[in-house]
């Protein structure tokens, strides 16, 4: 079975866990970790600027996907980080 990356944004740590795990709490700070899409390469936590830019964009794209699936966005949307285009059904 393959592993997925989970990231704790509070303490800037990455963890590799089995993909069957739906949620994971950080062993250091006990906050919920975010499960990262398997095709994405997460910047190293010590590279603060890249880390902050990546997470700002990733979280924005996840919110955009949620809004799209809730029917709040009616236009075509392109997500550059995930390289994904969302097209509303006619």
N, C-alpha and C. Protein backbone atom coordinates (compact mmCIF):
# COMPACT_ATOMS: atom_id res chain seq x y z
N UNK A 1 0.84 -1.17 0.00
CA UNK A 1 0.00 0.00 0.00
C UNK A 1 0.89 1.24 0.00
N UNK A 2 0.50 2.25 -0.74
CA UNK A 2 1.31 3.45 -0.84
C UNK A 2 1.00 4.43 0.29
N UNK A 3 1.91 5.36 0.46
CA UNK A 3 1.77 6.37 1.51
C UNK A 3 1.38 7.71 0.93
N UNK A 4 0.80 8.55 1.76
CA UNK A 4 0.45 9.92 1.39
C UNK A 4 1.15 10.87 2.36
N UNK A 5 1.29 12.10 1.92
CA UNK A 5 1.92 13.12 2.74
C UNK A 5 0.85 13.89 3.51
N UNK A 6 1.07 14.05 4.79
CA UNK A 6 0.23 14.88 5.65
C UNK A 6 1.12 16.01 6.16
N UNK A 7 0.57 17.22 6.19
CA UNK A 7 1.35 18.38 6.62
C UNK A 7 0.68 19.07 7.79
N UNK A 8 1.49 19.43 8.77
CA UNK A 8 1.02 20.24 9.89
C UNK A 8 1.47 21.67 9.60
N UNK A 9 0.51 22.56 9.44
CA UNK A 9 0.84 23.95 9.12
C UNK A 9 1.29 24.73 10.35
N UNK A 10 0.91 24.27 11.54
CA UNK A 10 1.31 24.97 12.77
C UNK A 10 2.79 24.80 13.07
N UNK A 11 3.28 23.57 13.02
CA UNK A 11 4.69 23.33 13.36
C UNK A 11 5.55 23.04 12.13
N UNK A 12 4.98 23.18 10.93
CA UNK A 12 5.71 23.02 9.67
C UNK A 12 6.42 21.68 9.57
N UNK A 13 5.66 20.61 9.74
CA UNK A 13 6.23 19.27 9.64
C UNK A 13 5.45 18.46 8.63
N UNK A 14 6.16 17.60 7.92
CA UNK A 14 5.55 16.69 6.96
C UNK A 14 5.65 15.27 7.50
N UNK A 15 4.59 14.51 7.32
CA UNK A 15 4.54 13.11 7.77
C UNK A 15 4.07 12.26 6.61
N UNK A 16 4.64 11.07 6.45
CA UNK A 16 4.18 10.11 5.45
C UNK A 16 3.42 9.01 6.19
N UNK A 17 2.16 8.81 5.79
CA UNK A 17 1.30 7.81 6.42
C UNK A 17 0.57 7.03 5.34
N UNK A 18 0.05 5.84 5.67
CA UNK A 18 -0.71 5.06 4.67
C UNK A 18 -1.89 5.85 4.12
N UNK A 19 -2.17 5.66 2.83
CA UNK A 19 -3.24 6.44 2.20
C UNK A 19 -4.62 6.10 2.73
N UNK A 20 -4.78 4.98 3.41
CA UNK A 20 -6.08 4.59 3.95
C UNK A 20 -6.50 5.48 5.12
N UNK A 21 -5.56 6.17 5.74
CA UNK A 21 -5.87 7.05 6.87
C UNK A 21 -6.56 8.31 6.35
N UNK A 22 -7.73 8.60 6.86
CA UNK A 22 -8.49 9.78 6.41
C UNK A 22 -8.04 11.04 7.13
N UNK A 23 -7.72 10.93 8.41
CA UNK A 23 -7.30 12.09 9.20
C UNK A 23 -6.11 11.70 10.06
N UNK A 24 -5.28 12.68 10.34
CA UNK A 24 -4.07 12.41 11.11
C UNK A 24 -3.77 13.63 11.98
N UNK A 25 -3.50 13.40 13.25
CA UNK A 25 -3.14 14.49 14.17
C UNK A 25 -1.62 14.55 14.29
N UNK A 26 -1.09 15.74 14.29
CA UNK A 26 0.35 15.94 14.39
C UNK A 26 0.86 15.39 15.72
N UNK A 27 1.92 14.59 15.71
CA UNK A 27 2.44 14.06 16.97
C UNK A 27 3.06 15.15 17.86
N UNK A 28 3.47 16.26 17.28
CA UNK A 28 4.11 17.32 18.07
C UNK A 28 3.10 18.25 18.74
N UNK A 29 2.14 18.77 17.95
CA UNK A 29 1.23 19.79 18.49
C UNK A 29 -0.23 19.32 18.57
N UNK A 30 -0.52 18.13 18.10
CA UNK A 30 -1.87 17.53 18.15
C UNK A 30 -2.93 18.25 17.31
N UNK A 31 -2.51 19.16 16.43
CA UNK A 31 -3.49 19.78 15.53
C UNK A 31 -3.71 18.86 14.32
N UNK A 32 -4.81 19.07 13.63
CA UNK A 32 -5.11 18.24 12.46
C UNK A 32 -4.14 18.56 11.33
N UNK A 33 -3.67 17.51 10.68
CA UNK A 33 -2.80 17.67 9.53
C UNK A 33 -3.62 17.66 8.25
N UNK A 34 -3.09 18.29 7.23
CA UNK A 34 -3.77 18.36 5.94
C UNK A 34 -3.19 17.29 5.03
N UNK A 35 -4.08 16.53 4.41
CA UNK A 35 -3.67 15.49 3.47
C UNK A 35 -3.39 16.15 2.12
N UNK A 36 -2.19 15.94 1.60
CA UNK A 36 -1.76 16.58 0.36
C UNK A 36 -2.06 15.68 -0.82
N UNK A 37 -2.51 16.27 -1.93
CA UNK A 37 -2.76 15.53 -3.16
C UNK A 37 -1.48 14.80 -3.56
N UNK A 38 -1.62 13.58 -4.03
CA UNK A 38 -0.45 12.73 -4.26
C UNK A 38 0.44 13.21 -5.40
N UNK A 39 -0.06 14.03 -6.30
CA UNK A 39 0.77 14.50 -7.41
C UNK A 39 1.59 15.74 -7.08
N UNK A 40 1.35 16.34 -5.93
CA UNK A 40 2.02 17.59 -5.58
C UNK A 40 3.31 17.36 -4.83
N UNK A 41 4.28 18.20 -5.14
CA UNK A 41 5.53 18.20 -4.39
C UNK A 41 5.47 19.39 -3.44
N UNK A 42 5.53 19.10 -2.17
CA UNK A 42 5.45 20.14 -1.14
C UNK A 42 6.86 20.69 -0.90
N UNK A 43 7.02 22.01 -0.89
CA UNK A 43 8.34 22.58 -0.61
C UNK A 43 8.81 22.23 0.80
N UNK A 44 10.10 22.23 0.98
CA UNK A 44 10.68 21.94 2.29
C UNK A 44 10.23 22.99 3.30
N UNK A 45 9.87 22.57 4.51
CA UNK A 45 9.41 23.52 5.53
C UNK A 45 10.44 24.59 5.89
N UNK A 46 11.71 24.30 5.73
CA UNK A 46 12.74 25.28 6.09
C UNK A 46 12.83 26.43 5.07
N UNK A 47 12.24 26.23 3.88
CA UNK A 47 12.18 27.30 2.88
C UNK A 47 10.86 28.04 3.08
N UNK A 48 10.88 28.96 4.04
CA UNK A 48 9.66 29.59 4.53
C UNK A 48 8.84 30.29 3.46
N UNK A 49 9.48 31.06 2.58
CA UNK A 49 8.72 31.80 1.56
C UNK A 49 8.00 30.85 0.61
N UNK A 50 8.71 29.84 0.13
CA UNK A 50 8.10 28.86 -0.77
C UNK A 50 6.99 28.09 -0.06
N UNK A 51 7.26 27.70 1.19
CA UNK A 51 6.27 26.97 1.99
C UNK A 51 4.99 27.80 2.14
N UNK A 52 5.13 29.06 2.53
CA UNK A 52 3.97 29.93 2.75
C UNK A 52 3.19 30.17 1.45
N UNK A 53 3.91 30.42 0.34
CA UNK A 53 3.23 30.63 -0.94
C UNK A 53 2.50 29.38 -1.39
N UNK A 54 3.15 28.22 -1.24
CA UNK A 54 2.53 26.96 -1.64
C UNK A 54 1.24 26.73 -0.87
N UNK A 55 1.27 26.87 0.45
CA UNK A 55 0.09 26.58 1.27
C UNK A 55 -1.02 27.60 1.06
N UNK A 56 -0.67 28.84 0.82
CA UNK A 56 -1.71 29.83 0.52
C UNK A 56 -2.43 29.45 -0.77
N UNK A 57 -1.68 29.08 -1.81
CA UNK A 57 -2.28 28.69 -3.08
C UNK A 57 -3.06 27.38 -2.96
N UNK A 58 -2.49 26.40 -2.27
CA UNK A 58 -3.15 25.09 -2.13
C UNK A 58 -4.48 25.21 -1.39
N UNK A 59 -4.49 25.95 -0.29
CA UNK A 59 -5.73 26.11 0.48
C UNK A 59 -6.76 26.92 -0.30
N UNK A 60 -6.31 27.91 -1.08
CA UNK A 60 -7.23 28.67 -1.93
C UNK A 60 -7.88 27.75 -2.97
N UNK A 61 -7.08 26.88 -3.58
CA UNK A 61 -7.63 25.98 -4.60
C UNK A 61 -8.57 24.96 -3.97
N UNK A 62 -8.29 24.50 -2.78
CA UNK A 62 -9.22 23.57 -2.10
C UNK A 62 -10.54 24.26 -1.78
N UNK A 63 -10.49 25.52 -1.33
CA UNK A 63 -11.72 26.27 -1.08
C UNK A 63 -12.50 26.50 -2.37
N UNK A 64 -11.78 26.77 -3.46
CA UNK A 64 -12.42 26.98 -4.76
C UNK A 64 -13.13 25.72 -5.21
N UNK A 65 -12.51 24.56 -5.03
CA UNK A 65 -13.14 23.29 -5.39
C UNK A 65 -14.40 23.07 -4.57
N UNK A 66 -14.34 23.37 -3.27
CA UNK A 66 -15.52 23.20 -2.41
C UNK A 66 -16.65 24.12 -2.85
N UNK A 67 -16.33 25.37 -3.17
CA UNK A 67 -17.36 26.31 -3.65
C UNK A 67 -17.95 25.84 -4.97
N UNK A 68 -17.11 25.32 -5.85
CA UNK A 68 -17.58 24.83 -7.15
C UNK A 68 -18.55 23.67 -6.97
N UNK A 69 -18.20 22.72 -6.10
CA UNK A 69 -19.07 21.56 -5.88
C UNK A 69 -20.35 21.92 -5.13
N UNK A 70 -20.32 23.01 -4.38
CA UNK A 70 -21.54 23.48 -3.70
C UNK A 70 -22.45 24.26 -4.64
N UNK A 71 -21.99 24.51 -5.86
CA UNK A 71 -22.79 25.23 -6.84
C UNK A 71 -22.70 26.74 -6.74
N UNK A 72 -21.73 27.26 -6.00
CA UNK A 72 -21.62 28.70 -5.82
C UNK A 72 -20.81 29.37 -6.93
N UNK A 73 -20.09 28.58 -7.73
CA UNK A 73 -19.34 29.12 -8.86
C UNK A 73 -19.96 28.59 -10.14
N UNK A 74 -20.32 29.49 -11.04
CA UNK A 74 -20.98 29.08 -12.27
C UNK A 74 -20.08 29.20 -13.49
N UNK A 75 -18.88 29.73 -13.33
CA UNK A 75 -17.96 29.89 -14.44
C UNK A 75 -16.91 28.79 -14.43
N UNK A 76 -16.23 28.65 -15.57
CA UNK A 76 -15.12 27.70 -15.65
C UNK A 76 -13.98 28.21 -14.78
N UNK A 77 -13.33 27.30 -14.07
CA UNK A 77 -12.26 27.67 -13.15
C UNK A 77 -11.03 26.83 -13.46
N UNK A 78 -9.86 27.49 -13.52
CA UNK A 78 -8.60 26.76 -13.71
C UNK A 78 -7.79 26.86 -12.42
N UNK A 79 -7.30 25.72 -11.96
CA UNK A 79 -6.49 25.66 -10.75
C UNK A 79 -5.05 25.32 -11.15
N UNK A 80 -4.15 26.31 -11.16
CA UNK A 80 -2.80 26.08 -11.68
C UNK A 80 -1.96 25.11 -10.85
N UNK A 81 -2.07 25.14 -9.55
CA UNK A 81 -1.26 24.26 -8.72
C UNK A 81 -1.64 22.80 -8.92
N UNK A 82 -2.93 22.53 -8.99
CA UNK A 82 -3.42 21.18 -9.20
C UNK A 82 -3.51 20.82 -10.68
N UNK A 83 -3.27 21.81 -11.56
CA UNK A 83 -3.36 21.63 -13.00
C UNK A 83 -4.70 21.00 -13.37
N UNK A 84 -5.75 21.63 -12.92
CA UNK A 84 -7.10 21.09 -13.08
C UNK A 84 -8.05 22.19 -13.53
N UNK A 85 -8.93 21.86 -14.44
CA UNK A 85 -9.94 22.79 -14.93
C UNK A 85 -11.30 22.28 -14.50
N UNK A 86 -12.08 23.15 -13.86
CA UNK A 86 -13.43 22.80 -13.42
C UNK A 86 -14.43 23.46 -14.36
N UNK A 87 -15.24 22.64 -15.01
CA UNK A 87 -16.22 23.13 -15.97
C UNK A 87 -17.61 22.80 -15.44
N UNK A 88 -18.46 23.82 -15.28
CA UNK A 88 -19.82 23.54 -14.77
C UNK A 88 -20.63 22.74 -15.78
N UNK A 89 -21.47 21.87 -15.28
CA UNK A 89 -22.32 21.09 -16.17
C UNK A 89 -23.44 21.98 -16.70
N UNK A 90 -23.83 21.71 -17.92
CA UNK A 90 -24.84 22.56 -18.58
C UNK A 90 -26.23 22.31 -18.09
